[in-house]
């Protein structure tokens, strides 16, 4: 677990997902690499955004980059 914004903890899987998005991979490629469905990847990204209080995945990626997580 990585302590994130205001005591919110992100799992290593969440960080991996953010890193993949930050690298420019599309959802379809991320899903293939993780062995998940595209829908599952979108749900997990939505959950990360909700935990961090962001409306869009790009906001979460930018925040993670500024924190040195990606």
N, C-alpha and C. Protein backbone atom coordinates (compact mmCIF):
# COMPACT_ATOMS: atom_id res chain seq x y z
N UNK A 1 0.83 -1.19 0.00
CA UNK A 1 0.00 0.00 0.00
C UNK A 1 0.87 1.26 0.00
N UNK A 2 0.44 2.20 -0.77
CA UNK A 2 1.10 3.50 -0.84
C UNK A 2 0.12 4.53 -0.31
N UNK A 3 0.52 5.29 0.69
CA UNK A 3 -0.36 6.32 1.21
C UNK A 3 -0.39 7.46 0.19
N UNK A 4 -1.58 7.81 -0.19
CA UNK A 4 -1.75 8.83 -1.22
C UNK A 4 -2.33 10.08 -0.60
N UNK A 5 -3.22 10.68 -1.28
CA UNK A 5 -3.84 11.94 -0.92
C UNK A 5 -4.71 11.82 0.33
N UNK A 6 -4.45 12.67 1.30
CA UNK A 6 -5.24 12.77 2.53
C UNK A 6 -5.55 11.42 3.17
N UNK A 7 -4.53 10.60 3.31
CA UNK A 7 -4.69 9.32 3.98
C UNK A 7 -5.29 8.22 3.14
N UNK A 8 -5.59 8.47 1.88
CA UNK A 8 -6.11 7.43 1.00
C UNK A 8 -4.95 6.52 0.60
N UNK A 9 -5.16 5.22 0.70
CA UNK A 9 -4.11 4.28 0.34
C UNK A 9 -4.39 3.67 -1.03
N UNK A 10 -3.39 3.68 -1.88
CA UNK A 10 -3.48 3.04 -3.18
C UNK A 10 -2.70 1.74 -3.14
N UNK A 11 -3.23 0.72 -3.77
CA UNK A 11 -2.53 -0.56 -3.83
C UNK A 11 -1.45 -0.49 -4.91
N UNK A 12 -0.55 -1.45 -4.88
CA UNK A 12 0.47 -1.53 -5.91
C UNK A 12 -0.18 -1.72 -7.29
N UNK A 13 -1.28 -2.46 -7.33
CA UNK A 13 -2.01 -2.65 -8.59
C UNK A 13 -2.54 -1.32 -9.12
N UNK A 14 -2.99 -0.46 -8.22
CA UNK A 14 -3.47 0.86 -8.63
C UNK A 14 -2.33 1.69 -9.22
N UNK A 15 -1.17 1.60 -8.60
CA UNK A 15 0.00 2.34 -9.08
C UNK A 15 0.42 1.82 -10.45
N UNK A 16 0.39 0.50 -10.63
CA UNK A 16 0.73 -0.09 -11.93
C UNK A 16 -0.24 0.42 -12.99
N UNK A 17 -1.50 0.46 -12.68
CA UNK A 17 -2.51 0.96 -13.61
C UNK A 17 -2.23 2.42 -13.98
N UNK A 18 -1.94 3.24 -13.00
CA UNK A 18 -1.62 4.64 -13.26
C UNK A 18 -0.35 4.77 -14.11
N UNK A 19 0.64 3.93 -13.85
CA UNK A 19 1.88 3.97 -14.64
C UNK A 19 1.61 3.62 -16.09
N UNK A 20 0.79 2.61 -16.31
CA UNK A 20 0.47 2.21 -17.68
C UNK A 20 -0.27 3.33 -18.41
N UNK A 21 -1.21 3.94 -17.73
CA UNK A 21 -1.93 5.07 -18.35
C UNK A 21 -0.97 6.22 -18.64
N UNK A 22 -0.07 6.48 -17.71
CA UNK A 22 0.88 7.58 -17.88
C UNK A 22 1.81 7.32 -19.06
N UNK A 23 2.08 6.06 -19.35
CA UNK A 23 2.97 5.73 -20.46
C UNK A 23 2.28 5.88 -21.81
N UNK A 24 0.98 6.14 -21.78
CA UNK A 24 0.26 6.37 -23.03
C UNK A 24 -0.45 5.16 -23.58
N UNK A 25 -0.44 4.07 -22.85
CA UNK A 25 -1.13 2.88 -23.34
C UNK A 25 -2.65 3.09 -23.32
N UNK A 26 -3.33 2.66 -24.38
CA UNK A 26 -4.79 2.73 -24.37
C UNK A 26 -5.38 1.67 -23.44
N UNK A 27 -6.61 1.86 -23.04
CA UNK A 27 -7.29 0.93 -22.13
C UNK A 27 -7.23 -0.50 -22.66
N UNK A 28 -7.41 -0.66 -23.96
CA UNK A 28 -7.41 -2.00 -24.56
C UNK A 28 -6.07 -2.71 -24.34
N UNK A 29 -4.98 -1.98 -24.52
CA UNK A 29 -3.65 -2.57 -24.33
C UNK A 29 -3.39 -2.88 -22.86
N UNK A 30 -3.83 -1.99 -21.99
CA UNK A 30 -3.67 -2.23 -20.55
C UNK A 30 -4.42 -3.49 -20.15
N UNK A 31 -5.64 -3.62 -20.63
CA UNK A 31 -6.46 -4.80 -20.31
C UNK A 31 -5.76 -6.07 -20.77
N UNK A 32 -5.22 -6.06 -21.99
CA UNK A 32 -4.51 -7.25 -22.50
C UNK A 32 -3.30 -7.58 -21.64
N UNK A 33 -2.51 -6.57 -21.30
CA UNK A 33 -1.29 -6.81 -20.51
C UNK A 33 -1.60 -7.32 -19.11
N UNK A 34 -2.70 -6.86 -18.54
CA UNK A 34 -3.07 -7.28 -17.18
C UNK A 34 -3.94 -8.53 -17.16
N UNK A 35 -4.38 -8.96 -18.34
CA UNK A 35 -5.25 -10.14 -18.42
C UNK A 35 -6.64 -9.86 -17.88
N UNK A 36 -7.11 -8.63 -18.06
CA UNK A 36 -8.42 -8.21 -17.58
C UNK A 36 -9.27 -7.74 -18.75
N UNK A 37 -10.56 -7.60 -18.50
CA UNK A 37 -11.42 -7.03 -19.53
C UNK A 37 -11.27 -5.51 -19.52
N UNK A 38 -11.61 -4.90 -20.64
CA UNK A 38 -11.56 -3.44 -20.72
C UNK A 38 -12.48 -2.83 -19.67
N UNK A 39 -13.62 -3.44 -19.48
CA UNK A 39 -14.58 -2.93 -18.50
C UNK A 39 -14.00 -2.95 -17.09
N UNK A 40 -13.29 -4.01 -16.76
CA UNK A 40 -12.66 -4.09 -15.43
C UNK A 40 -11.61 -3.01 -15.27
N UNK A 41 -10.82 -2.77 -16.29
CA UNK A 41 -9.80 -1.72 -16.21
C UNK A 41 -10.48 -0.36 -16.02
N UNK A 42 -11.55 -0.11 -16.75
CA UNK A 42 -12.27 1.17 -16.59
C UNK A 42 -12.86 1.30 -15.18
N UNK A 43 -13.40 0.22 -14.66
CA UNK A 43 -13.94 0.24 -13.29
C UNK A 43 -12.85 0.52 -12.27
N UNK A 44 -11.71 -0.14 -12.43
CA UNK A 44 -10.62 0.08 -11.48
C UNK A 44 -10.10 1.50 -11.56
N UNK A 45 -10.03 2.04 -12.77
CA UNK A 45 -9.57 3.43 -12.92
C UNK A 45 -10.58 4.38 -12.29
N UNK A 46 -11.86 4.11 -12.47
CA UNK A 46 -12.90 4.94 -11.86
C UNK A 46 -12.79 4.88 -10.34
N UNK A 47 -12.51 3.70 -9.79
CA UNK A 47 -12.36 3.55 -8.34
C UNK A 47 -11.16 4.35 -7.84
N UNK A 48 -10.05 4.33 -8.58
CA UNK A 48 -8.88 5.11 -8.19
C UNK A 48 -9.22 6.60 -8.20
N UNK A 49 -9.89 7.04 -9.26
CA UNK A 49 -10.28 8.46 -9.36
C UNK A 49 -11.19 8.84 -8.19
N UNK A 50 -12.14 7.99 -7.87
CA UNK A 50 -13.05 8.27 -6.76
C UNK A 50 -12.30 8.35 -5.44
N UNK A 51 -11.36 7.44 -5.22
CA UNK A 51 -10.58 7.45 -3.98
C UNK A 51 -9.78 8.74 -3.84
N UNK A 52 -9.23 9.20 -4.95
CA UNK A 52 -8.38 10.38 -4.92
C UNK A 52 -9.16 11.68 -5.05
N UNK A 53 -10.42 11.59 -5.42
CA UNK A 53 -11.25 12.78 -5.55
C UNK A 53 -11.10 13.49 -6.89
N UNK A 54 -10.75 12.75 -7.93
CA UNK A 54 -10.62 13.33 -9.26
C UNK A 54 -11.75 12.87 -10.16
N UNK A 55 -12.08 13.72 -11.14
CA UNK A 55 -13.16 13.38 -12.07
C UNK A 55 -12.68 12.58 -13.27
N UNK A 56 -11.43 12.76 -13.67
CA UNK A 56 -10.94 12.08 -14.86
C UNK A 56 -9.64 11.32 -14.57
N UNK A 57 -9.40 10.26 -15.34
CA UNK A 57 -8.16 9.51 -15.15
C UNK A 57 -6.91 10.37 -15.39
N UNK A 58 -6.97 11.29 -16.32
CA UNK A 58 -5.79 12.11 -16.59
C UNK A 58 -5.43 12.96 -15.37
N UNK A 59 -6.42 13.42 -14.62
CA UNK A 59 -6.14 14.18 -13.39
C UNK A 59 -5.40 13.29 -12.40
N UNK A 60 -5.83 12.02 -12.29
CA UNK A 60 -5.18 11.09 -11.38
C UNK A 60 -3.75 10.81 -11.82
N UNK A 61 -3.54 10.66 -13.12
CA UNK A 61 -2.19 10.41 -13.65
C UNK A 61 -1.29 11.61 -13.40
N UNK A 62 -1.79 12.81 -13.65
CA UNK A 62 -0.99 14.02 -13.41
C UNK A 62 -0.64 14.13 -11.93
N UNK A 63 -1.61 13.89 -11.07
CA UNK A 63 -1.35 13.94 -9.63
C UNK A 63 -0.28 12.91 -9.25
N UNK A 64 -0.42 11.67 -9.77
CA UNK A 64 0.54 10.62 -9.45
C UNK A 64 1.94 10.98 -9.93
N UNK A 65 2.02 11.61 -11.10
CA UNK A 65 3.32 12.03 -11.63
C UNK A 65 3.94 13.09 -10.72
N UNK A 66 3.15 14.03 -10.27
CA UNK A 66 3.65 15.07 -9.38
C UNK A 66 4.11 14.52 -8.03
N UNK A 67 3.49 13.40 -7.63
CA UNK A 67 3.88 12.75 -6.36
C UNK A 67 5.06 11.81 -6.52
N UNK A 68 5.50 11.62 -7.77
CA UNK A 68 6.61 10.72 -8.01
C UNK A 68 6.22 9.24 -8.00
N UNK A 69 4.95 8.96 -8.17
CA UNK A 69 4.48 7.58 -8.14
C UNK A 69 4.56 6.90 -9.49
N UNK A 70 4.59 7.69 -10.55
CA UNK A 70 4.66 7.11 -11.91
C UNK A 70 5.88 7.63 -12.63
